[in-house]
Amino acid sequence: MRNPEPLLYYKWYWRDHRASRNVQRLSSLERGLHRELLDAQWEHGFIPDDVEKLAGICDCPVEVMRDAWPNIRRCYEPCESDPAKLINLRMERERERSDAKRAKLAKAGLRGIIARIRRENAKYPSANAEPPKTPFAEVVSEAPPWVTNG
């Protein structure tokens, strides 16, 4: 499951980008459009396989996108779940790494909170102390889905 909100940034490997044969074949205009589409994929998880929608994403005339799209299209693959959606495989790998790291950090944060509560409870025992009303399993189940599914 995807994070509800994408991170506001992603790693950019400029050397790998420039080394890509598909990118090397793009004109400077096409490279700019491609970067806009990569940003859109990061935000939405895919780009549509529709020239008019792509022109809207890139804020360019449809004719410009129609001319550039055959070359840019080589940088994208259809989604397995929906061929009308396209993804750049490298961008998708970066998203998966980012999501895994976020989930790992979120789980570590939850464990830290629970450990701190237990330490505080141990410091100040009370004669009428009750066990915590929210056991660990409930805390985890209340976490966002992307935290528990990683």
Protein backbone atom coordinates (compact mmCIF):
# COMPACT_ATOMS: atom_id res chain seq x y z
CA MET A 1 0.00 0.00 0.00
CA ARG A 2 1.27 3.49 -0.85
CA ASN A 3 1.85 6.29 1.60
CA PRO A 4 -1.13 8.61 1.74
CA GLU A 5 1.06 11.58 0.80
CA PRO A 6 4.26 11.41 -1.23
CA LEU A 7 7.37 12.93 0.24
CA LEU A 8 8.05 16.47 -0.92
CA TYR A 9 11.31 15.37 -2.50
CA TYR A 10 12.94 12.42 -4.18
CA LYS A 11 16.51 11.42 -4.86
CA TRP A 12 17.76 12.54 -8.24
CA TYR A 13 20.64 10.61 -9.76
CA TRP A 14 21.65 13.07 -12.45
CA ARG A 15 24.53 10.94 -13.71
CA ASP A 16 22.30 7.91 -14.20
CA HIS A 17 19.69 10.10 -15.88
CA ARG A 18 22.20 11.53 -18.32
CA ALA A 19 23.64 8.06 -18.99
CA SER A 20 20.27 6.65 -20.03
CA ARG A 21 20.20 5.94 -23.77
CA ASN A 22 16.53 6.91 -23.88
CA VAL A 23 17.28 10.28 -22.28
CA GLN A 24 20.31 10.87 -24.50
CA ARG A 25 18.02 10.63 -27.52
CA LEU A 26 15.71 13.37 -26.20
CA SER A 27 15.95 16.98 -27.31
CA SER A 28 16.32 19.62 -24.61
CA LEU A 29 12.59 20.39 -24.87
CA GLU A 30 11.74 16.69 -24.51
CA ARG A 31 14.04 16.39 -21.49
CA GLY A 32 12.22 19.24 -19.79
CA LEU A 33 8.85 17.65 -20.48
CA HIS A 34 10.18 14.31 -19.22
CA ARG A 35 11.27 15.92 -15.93
CA GLU A 36 7.81 17.44 -15.49
CA LEU A 37 6.30 14.01 -16.04
CA LEU A 38 8.66 12.40 -13.54
CA ASP A 39 7.55 14.94 -10.94
CA ALA A 40 3.91 14.16 -11.75
CA GLN A 41 4.58 10.44 -11.38
CA TRP A 42 6.17 11.04 -7.98
CA GLU A 43 3.12 12.99 -6.87
CA HIS A 44 0.41 10.70 -8.26
CA GLY A 45 2.14 7.32 -8.64
CA PHE A 46 1.72 7.24 -12.43
CA ILE A 47 1.16 9.40 -15.49
CA PRO A 48 -1.74 8.90 -17.93
CA ASP A 49 -1.11 7.48 -21.39
CA ASP A 50 -3.05 10.36 -22.96
CA VAL A 51 -1.29 13.13 -24.89
CA GLU A 52 -3.87 15.79 -24.02
CA LYS A 53 -3.65 15.06 -20.29
CA LEU A 54 0.15 14.98 -20.47
CA ALA A 55 0.13 18.38 -22.19
CA GLY A 56 -1.98 19.67 -19.32
CA ILE A 57 0.44 18.26 -16.75
CA CYS A 58 3.37 19.93 -18.52
CA ASP A 59 1.42 23.12 -19.28
CA CYS A 60 2.35 23.00 -22.94
CA PRO A 61 0.35 23.02 -26.18
CA VAL A 62 -1.07 19.64 -27.18
CA GLU A 63 0.77 19.85 -30.53
CA VAL A 64 4.12 20.19 -28.73
CA MET A 65 3.39 17.15 -26.56
CA ARG A 66 2.07 15.19 -29.54
CA ASP A 67 5.39 15.78 -31.38
CA ALA A 68 7.55 15.03 -28.35
CA TRP A 69 5.62 12.11 -26.86
CA PRO A 70 6.89 9.27 -29.10
CA ASN A 71 10.45 9.92 -27.90
CA ILE A 72 9.52 10.53 -24.24
CA ARG A 73 7.24 7.47 -24.18
CA ARG A 74 10.29 5.18 -24.39
CA CYS A 75 11.13 6.20 -20.81
CA TYR A 76 7.87 4.76 -19.42
CA GLU A 77 6.23 1.37 -19.06
CA PRO A 78 2.55 0.50 -18.66
CA CYS A 79 1.38 -0.35 -15.14
CA GLU A 80 0.58 -4.02 -14.69
CA SER A 81 -2.75 -3.18 -13.08
CA ASP A 82 -3.84 -0.61 -15.68
CA PRO A 83 -2.16 -0.19 -19.09
CA ALA A 84 -3.65 3.33 -19.38
CA LYS A 85 -1.28 4.36 -16.57
CA LEU A 86 2.46 4.67 -17.20
CA ILE A 87 5.42 4.57 -14.84
CA ASN A 88 9.11 5.19 -15.09
CA LEU A 89 10.64 2.06 -13.54
CA ARG A 90 13.55 3.89 -11.92
CA MET A 91 11.19 6.39 -10.29
CA GLU A 92 9.05 3.55 -9.02
CA ARG A 93 12.08 1.84 -7.43
CA GLU A 94 12.92 5.12 -5.67
CA ARG A 95 9.34 5.36 -4.40
CA GLU A 96 9.50 1.82 -3.03
CA ARG A 97 12.80 2.53 -1.24
CA SER A 98 11.40 5.75 0.17
CA ASP A 99 8.20 4.09 1.35
CA ALA A 100 10.12 1.25 2.99
CA LYS A 101 12.36 3.70 4.82
CA ARG A 102 9.37 5.74 6.01
CA ALA A 103 7.59 2.63 7.28
CA LYS A 104 10.73 1.45 9.09
CA LEU A 105 11.20 4.82 10.79
CA ALA A 106 7.52 5.02 11.74
CA LYS A 107 7.62 1.56 13.33
CA ALA A 108 10.80 2.47 15.22
CA GLY A 109 9.07 5.63 16.44
CA LEU A 110 6.10 3.65 17.73
CA ARG A 111 8.39 1.22 19.53
CA GLY A 112 10.23 4.18 21.07
CA ILE A 113 7.02 5.75 22.33
CA ILE A 114 5.89 2.49 23.90
CA ALA A 115 9.29 1.94 25.53
CA ARG A 116 9.20 5.46 26.97
CA ILE A 117 5.69 4.93 28.39
CA ARG A 118 6.82 1.67 29.99
CA ARG A 119 9.89 3.36 31.51
CA GLU A 120 7.76 6.17 32.90
CA ASN A 121 5.26 3.70 34.34
CA ALA A 122 8.10 1.76 35.97
CA LYS A 123 9.55 4.94 37.54
CA TYR A 124 6.31 5.97 39.18
CA PRO A 125 4.45 2.81 40.20
CA SER A 126 1.16 3.33 41.92
CA ALA A 127 -0.64 1.04 44.31
CA ASN A 128 -3.75 1.30 42.15
CA ALA A 129 -1.94 1.18 38.83
CA GLU A 130 -3.84 -0.43 36.01
CA PRO A 131 -2.19 -1.96 32.96
CA PRO A 132 -2.07 0.43 30.01
CA LYS A 133 -5.45 0.64 28.33
CA THR A 134 -3.89 0.63 24.85
CA PRO A 135 -1.63 -2.38 24.36
CA PHE A 136 1.00 -2.34 21.63
CA ALA A 137 -1.17 -4.19 19.12
CA GLU A 138 -3.85 -1.50 19.35
CA VAL A 139 -1.31 1.30 18.98
CA VAL A 140 0.02 -0.34 15.83
CA SER A 141 -3.47 -0.95 14.46
CA GLU A 142 -4.27 2.75 14.91
CA ALA A 143 -1.19 3.71 12.90
CA PRO A 144 -1.56 4.64 9.23
CA PRO A 145 -1.84 1.55 6.97
CA TRP A 146 1.52 2.13 5.33
CA VAL A 147 3.23 1.81 8.73
CA THR A 148 1.79 -1.61 9.49
CA ASN A 149 1.99 -3.11 6.01
CA GLY A 150 5.75 -2.67 5.49
